[in-house]
Amino acid sequence: MAKLNVEIIHPQNAEVNLILSQMERKYAHRKLTSETIDEMEREAARLIRRLITTKVTFVK
């Protein structure tokens, strides 16, 4: 029976730290309101999701 094998490759800590430091610089001049925090959380989640790699292979 054939099946698909899924491998999820997580990003390196250095890549995540780079994104977080870029965001800290981007939002450094803004006041820390609940709207700003929500925006930062959404952007961080979106950028980190883009770093996650999925590899799917067909196995006989």
PDB file of N, CA and C in Angstrom:
ATOM      1  N   MET A   1       0.843  -1.182   0.000  1.00  0.00           N
ATOM      2  CA  MET A   1       0.000   0.000   0.000  1.00  0.00           C
ATOM      3  C   MET A   1       0.892   1.251   0.000  1.00  0.00           C
ATOM      4  N   ALA A   2       0.584   2.197  -0.840  1.00  0.00           N
ATOM      5  CA  ALA A   2       1.356   3.436  -0.939  1.00  0.00           C
ATOM      6  C   ALA A   2       0.835   4.453   0.073  1.00  0.00           C
ATOM      7  N   LYS A   3       1.751   5.317   0.523  1.00  0.00           N
ATOM      8  CA  LYS A   3       1.343   6.365   1.452  1.00  0.00           C
ATOM      9  C   LYS A   3       2.258   7.566   1.288  1.00  0.00           C
ATOM     10  N   LEU A   4       1.865   8.658   1.892  1.00  0.00           N
ATOM     11  CA  LEU A   4       2.666   9.878   1.884  1.00  0.00           C
ATOM     12  C   LEU A   4       3.391   9.998   3.212  1.00  0.00           C
ATOM     13  N   ASN A   5       4.639  10.392   3.139  1.00  0.00           N
ATOM     14  CA  ASN A   5       5.440  10.636   4.328  1.00  0.00           C
ATOM     15  C   ASN A   5       5.623  12.153   4.452  1.00  0.00           C
ATOM     16  N   VAL A   6       5.248  12.715   5.604  1.00  0.00           N
ATOM     17  CA  VAL A   6       5.336  14.160   5.820  1.00  0.00           C
ATOM     18  C   VAL A   6       6.412  14.441   6.861  1.00  0.00           C
ATOM     19  N   GLU A   7       7.325  15.335   6.503  1.00  0.00           N
ATOM     20  CA  GLU A   7       8.390  15.756   7.417  1.00  0.00           C
ATOM     21  C   GLU A   7       8.292  17.268   7.594  1.00  0.00           C
ATOM     22  N   ILE A   8       8.201  17.703   8.838  1.00  0.00           N
ATOM     23  CA  ILE A   8       8.125  19.130   9.141  1.00  0.00           C
ATOM     24  C   ILE A   8       9.477  19.567   9.679  1.00  0.00           C
ATOM     25  N   ILE A   9      10.085  20.533   8.998  1.00  0.00           N
ATOM     26  CA  ILE A   9      11.420  21.018   9.362  1.00  0.00           C
ATOM     27  C   ILE A   9      11.259  22.371  10.045  1.00  0.00           C
ATOM     28  N   HIS A  10      11.596  22.416  11.319  1.00  0.00           N
ATOM     29  CA  HIS A  10      11.442  23.633  12.102  1.00  0.00           C
ATOM     30  C   HIS A  10      12.591  24.600  11.827  1.00  0.00           C
ATOM     31  N   PRO A  11      12.333  25.901  11.968  1.00  0.00           N
ATOM     32  CA  PRO A  11      13.401  26.880  11.728  1.00  0.00           C
ATOM     33  C   PRO A  11      14.454  26.837  12.834  1.00  0.00           C
ATOM     34  N   GLN A  12      15.625  27.304  12.498  1.00  0.00           N
ATOM     35  CA  GLN A  12      16.714  27.407  13.465  1.00  0.00           C
ATOM     36  C   GLN A  12      16.426  28.570  14.418  1.00  0.00           C
ATOM     37  N   ASN A  13      16.922  28.475  15.644  1.00  0.00           N
ATOM     38  CA  ASN A  13      16.728  29.547  16.620  1.00  0.00           C
ATOM     39  C   ASN A  13      17.284  30.873  16.116  1.00  0.00           C
ATOM     40  N   ALA A  14      18.379  30.832  15.390  1.00  0.00           N
ATOM     41  CA  ALA A  14      18.992  32.063  14.879  1.00  0.00           C
ATOM     42  C   ALA A  14      18.043  32.772  13.906  1.00  0.00           C
ATOM     43  N   GLU A  15      17.331  32.005  13.091  1.00  0.00           N
ATOM     44  CA  GLU A  15      16.378  32.604  12.146  1.00  0.00           C
ATOM     45  C   GLU A  15      15.220  33.270  12.890  1.00  0.00           C
ATOM     46  N   VAL A  16      14.719  32.605  13.913  1.00  0.00           N
ATOM     47  CA  VAL A  16      13.622  33.168  14.707  1.00  0.00           C
ATOM     48  C   VAL A  16      14.096  34.412  15.445  1.00  0.00           C
ATOM     49  N   ASN A  17      15.287  34.353  16.032  1.00  0.00           N
ATOM     50  CA  ASN A  17      15.827  35.512  16.747  1.00  0.00           C
ATOM     51  C   ASN A  17      16.035  36.698  15.815  1.00  0.00           C
ATOM     52  N   LEU A  18      16.432  36.445  14.578  1.00  0.00           N
ATOM     53  CA  LEU A  18      16.602  37.515  13.595  1.00  0.00           C
ATOM     54  C   LEU A  18      15.271  38.212  13.323  1.00  0.00           C
ATOM     55  N   ILE A  19      14.222  37.432  13.144  1.00  0.00           N
ATOM     56  CA  ILE A  19      12.894  38.012  12.905  1.00  0.00           C
ATOM     57  C   ILE A  19      12.452  38.847  14.104  1.00  0.00           C
ATOM     58  N   LEU A  20      12.649  38.316  15.307  1.00  0.00           N
ATOM     59  CA  LEU A  20      12.235  39.043  16.502  1.00  0.00           C
ATOM     60  C   LEU A  20      13.017  40.337  16.674  1.00  0.00           C
ATOM     61  N   SER A  21      14.307  40.319  16.377  1.00  0.00           N
ATOM     62  CA  SER A  21      15.098  41.551  16.498  1.00  0.00           C
ATOM     63  C   SER A  21      14.686  42.582  15.453  1.00  0.00           C
ATOM     64  N   GLN A  22      14.341  42.132  14.250  1.00  0.00           N
ATOM     65  CA  GLN A  22      13.850  43.056  13.220  1.00  0.00           C
ATOM     66  C   GLN A  22      12.529  43.685  13.649  1.00  0.00           C
ATOM     67  N   MET A  23      11.673  42.890  14.253  1.00  0.00           N
ATOM     68  CA  MET A  23      10.395  43.419  14.719  1.00  0.00           C
ATOM     69  C   MET A  23      10.584  44.392  15.879  1.00  0.00           C
ATOM     70  N   GLU A  24      11.524  44.106  16.758  1.00  0.00           N
ATOM     71  CA  GLU A  24      11.798  45.025  17.866  1.00  0.00           C
ATOM     72  C   GLU A  24      12.228  46.390  17.341  1.00  0.00           C
ATOM     73  N   ARG A  25      13.079  46.389  16.311  1.00  0.00           N
ATOM     74  CA  ARG A  25      13.508  47.663  15.715  1.00  0.00           C
ATOM     75  C   ARG A  25      12.329  48.358  15.033  1.00  0.00           C
ATOM     76  N   LYS A  26      11.492  47.597  14.349  1.00  0.00           N
ATOM     77  CA  LYS A  26      10.356  48.173  13.622  1.00  0.00           C
ATOM     78  C   LYS A  26       9.363  48.841  14.571  1.00  0.00           C
ATOM     79  N   TYR A  27       9.097  48.211  15.699  1.00  0.00           N
ATOM     80  CA  TYR A  27       8.079  48.709  16.615  1.00  0.00           C
ATOM     81  C   TYR A  27       8.657  49.508  17.778  1.00  0.00           C
ATOM     82  N   ALA A  28       9.930  49.798  17.778  1.00  0.00           N
ATOM     83  CA  ALA A  28      10.570  50.490  18.902  1.00  0.00           C
ATOM     84  C   ALA A  28      10.004  51.894  19.113  1.00  0.00           C
ATOM     85  N   HIS A  29       9.638  52.577  18.058  1.00  0.00           N
ATOM     86  CA  HIS A  29       9.174  53.959  18.167  1.00  0.00           C
ATOM     87  C   HIS A  29       7.679  54.074  18.463  1.00  0.00           C
ATOM     88  N   ARG A  30       6.957  52.961  18.445  1.00  0.00           N
ATOM     89  CA  ARG A  30       5.507  52.993  18.653  1.00  0.00           C
ATOM     90  C   ARG A  30       5.140  52.768  20.110  1.00  0.00           C
ATOM     91  N   LYS A  31       4.028  53.374  20.515  1.00  0.00           N
ATOM     92  CA  LYS A  31       3.540  53.160  21.876  1.00  0.00           C
ATOM     93  C   LYS A  31       3.021  51.744  22.007  1.00  0.00           C
ATOM     94  N   LEU A  32       3.174  51.176  23.174  1.00  0.00           N
ATOM     95  CA  LEU A  32       2.786  49.798  23.426  1.00  0.00           C
ATOM     96  C   LEU A  32       1.308  49.746  23.853  1.00  0.00           C
ATOM     97  N   THR A  33       0.424  49.743  22.860  1.00  0.00           N
ATOM     98  CA  THR A  33      -1.010  49.646  23.111  1.00  0.00           C
ATOM     99  C   THR A  33      -1.468  48.225  22.803  1.00  0.00           C
ATOM    100  N   SER A  34      -2.682  47.907  23.159  1.00  0.00           N
ATOM    101  CA  SER A  34      -3.196  46.565  22.884  1.00  0.00           C
ATOM    102  C   SER A  34      -3.283  46.309  21.380  1.00  0.00           C
ATOM    103  N   GLU A  35      -3.575  47.343  20.603  1.00  0.00           N
ATOM    104  CA  GLU A  35      -3.622  47.192  19.143  1.00  0.00           C
ATOM    105  C   GLU A  35      -2.238  46.896  18.579  1.00  0.00           C
ATOM    106  N   THR A  36      -1.228  47.588  19.094  1.00  0.00           N
ATOM    107  CA  THR A  36       0.142  47.359  18.637  1.00  0.00           C
ATOM    108  C   THR A  36       0.599  45.952  19.009  1.00  0.00           C
ATOM    109  N   ILE A  37       0.268  45.519  20.207  1.00  0.00           N
ATOM    110  CA  ILE A  37       0.647  44.167  20.639  1.00  0.00           C
ATOM    111  C   ILE A  37      -0.017  43.124  19.753  1.00  0.00           C
ATOM    112  N   ASP A  38      -1.299  43.299  19.460  1.00  0.00           N
ATOM    113  CA  ASP A  38      -2.005  42.364  18.573  1.00  0.00           C
ATOM    114  C   ASP A  38      -1.352  42.316  17.194  1.00  0.00           C
ATOM    115  N   GLU A  39      -1.001  43.484  16.665  1.00  0.00           N
ATOM    116  CA  GLU A  39      -0.356  43.551  15.353  1.00  0.00           C
ATOM    117  C   GLU A  39       1.003  42.849  15.368  1.00  0.00           C
ATOM    118  N   MET A  40       1.771  43.065  16.433  1.00  0.00           N
ATOM    119  CA  MET A  40       3.082  42.423  16.550  1.00  0.00           C
ATOM    120  C   MET A  40       2.947  40.907  16.638  1.00  0.00           C
ATOM    121  N   GLU A  41       1.978  40.433  17.404  1.00  0.00           N
ATOM    122  CA  GLU A  41       1.770  38.991  17.540  1.00  0.00           C
ATOM    123  C   GLU A  41       1.387  38.358  16.207  1.00  0.00           C
ATOM    124  N   ARG A  42       0.481  39.001  15.474  1.00  0.00           N
ATOM    125  CA  ARG A  42       0.068  38.473  14.167  1.00  0.00           C
ATOM    126  C   ARG A  42       1.238  38.451  13.189  1.00  0.00           C
ATOM    127  N   GLU A  43       2.008  39.537  13.169  1.00  0.00           N
ATOM    128  CA  GLU A  43       3.141  39.605  12.243  1.00  0.00           C
ATOM    129  C   GLU A  43       4.208  38.573  12.593  1.00  0.00           C
ATOM    130  N   ALA A  44       4.503  38.408  13.875  1.00  0.00           N
ATOM    131  CA  ALA A  44       5.505  37.416  14.294  1.00  0.00           C
ATOM    132  C   ALA A  44       5.048  36.012  13.915  1.00  0.00           C
ATOM    133  N   ALA A  45       3.790  35.700  14.164  1.00  0.00           N
ATOM    134  CA  ALA A  45       3.272  34.371  13.818  1.00  0.00           C
ATOM    135  C   ALA A  45       3.352  34.132  12.314  1.00  0.00           C
ATOM    136  N   ARG A  46       2.996  35.138  11.528  1.00  0.00           N
ATOM    137  CA  ARG A  46       3.037  35.009  10.063  1.00  0.00           C
ATOM    138  C   ARG A  46       4.463  34.790   9.569  1.00  0.00           C
ATOM    139  N   LEU A  47       5.393  35.579  10.079  1.00  0.00           N
ATOM    140  CA  LEU A  47       6.784  35.468   9.623  1.00  0.00           C
ATOM    141  C   LEU A  47       7.422  34.149  10.049  1.00  0.00           C
ATOM    142  N   ILE A  48       7.120  33.698  11.242  1.00  0.00           N
ATOM    143  CA  ILE A  48       7.700  32.439  11.712  1.00  0.00           C
ATOM    144  C   ILE A  48       7.085  31.261  10.981  1.00  0.00           C
ATOM    145  N   ARG A  49       5.783  31.322  10.680  1.00  0.00           N
ATOM    146  CA  ARG A  49       5.157  30.259   9.875  1.00  0.00           C
ATOM    147  C   ARG A  49       5.825  30.127   8.514  1.00  0.00           C
ATOM    148  N   ARG A  50       6.268  31.237   7.952  1.00  0.00           N
ATOM    149  CA  ARG A  50       6.932  31.196   6.644  1.00  0.00           C
ATOM    150  C   ARG A  50       8.276  30.479   6.702  1.00  0.00           C
ATOM    151  N   LEU A  51       8.879  30.396   7.893  1.00  0.00           N
ATOM    152  CA  LEU A  51      10.173  29.727   8.048  1.00  0.00           C
ATOM    153  C   LEU A  51      10.039  28.201   8.134  1.00  0.00           C
ATOM    154  N   ILE A  52       8.844  27.726   8.482  1.00  0.00           N
ATOM    155  CA  ILE A  52       8.632  26.294   8.656  1.00  0.00           C
ATOM    156  C   ILE A  52       8.525  25.643   7.283  1.00  0.00           C
ATOM    157  N   THR A  53       9.314  24.589   7.068  1.00  0.00           N
ATOM    158  CA  THR A  53       9.350  23.891   5.788  1.00  0.00           C
ATOM    159  C   THR A  53       8.681  22.521   5.952  1.00  0.00           C
ATOM    160  N   THR A  54       7.850  22.168   4.980  1.00  0.00           N
ATOM    161  CA  THR A  54       7.193  20.867   4.987  1.00  0.00           C
ATOM    162  C   THR A  54       7.685  20.089   3.764  1.00  0.00           C
ATOM    163  N   LYS A  55       8.137  18.874   4.009  1.00  0.00           N
ATOM    164  CA  LYS A  55       8.621  18.008   2.936  1.00  0.00           C
ATOM    165  C   LYS A  55       7.712  16.782   2.874  1.00  0.00           C
ATOM    166  N   VAL A  56       7.076  16.577   1.736  1.00  0.00           N
ATOM    167  CA  VAL A  56       6.180  15.447   1.542  1.00  0.00           C
ATOM    168  C   VAL A  56       6.760  14.535   0.473  1.00  0.00           C
ATOM    169  N   THR A  57       6.884  13.254   0.798  1.00  0.00           N
ATOM    170  CA  THR A  57       7.398  12.281  -0.157  1.00  0.00           C
ATOM    171  C   THR A  57       6.426  11.107  -0.287  1.00  0.00           C
ATOM    172  N   PHE A  58       6.405  10.510  -1.435  1.00  0.00           N
ATOM    173  CA  PHE A  58       5.544   9.369  -1.727  1.00  0.00           C
ATOM    174  C   PHE A  58       6.324   8.105  -1.438  1.00  0.00           C
ATOM    175  N   VAL A  59       5.753   7.223  -0.625  1.00  0.00           N
ATOM    176  CA  VAL A  59       6.412   5.985  -0.231  1.00  0.00           C
ATOM    177  C   VAL A  59       5.574   4.818  -0.730  1.00  0.00           C
ATOM    178  N   LYS A  60       6.217   3.895  -1.447  1.00  0.00           N
ATOM    179  CA  LYS A  60       5.490   2.708  -1.951  1.00  0.00           C
ATOM    180  C   LYS A  60       5.427   1.629  -0.903  1.00  0.00           C
TER     181      LYS A  60
END
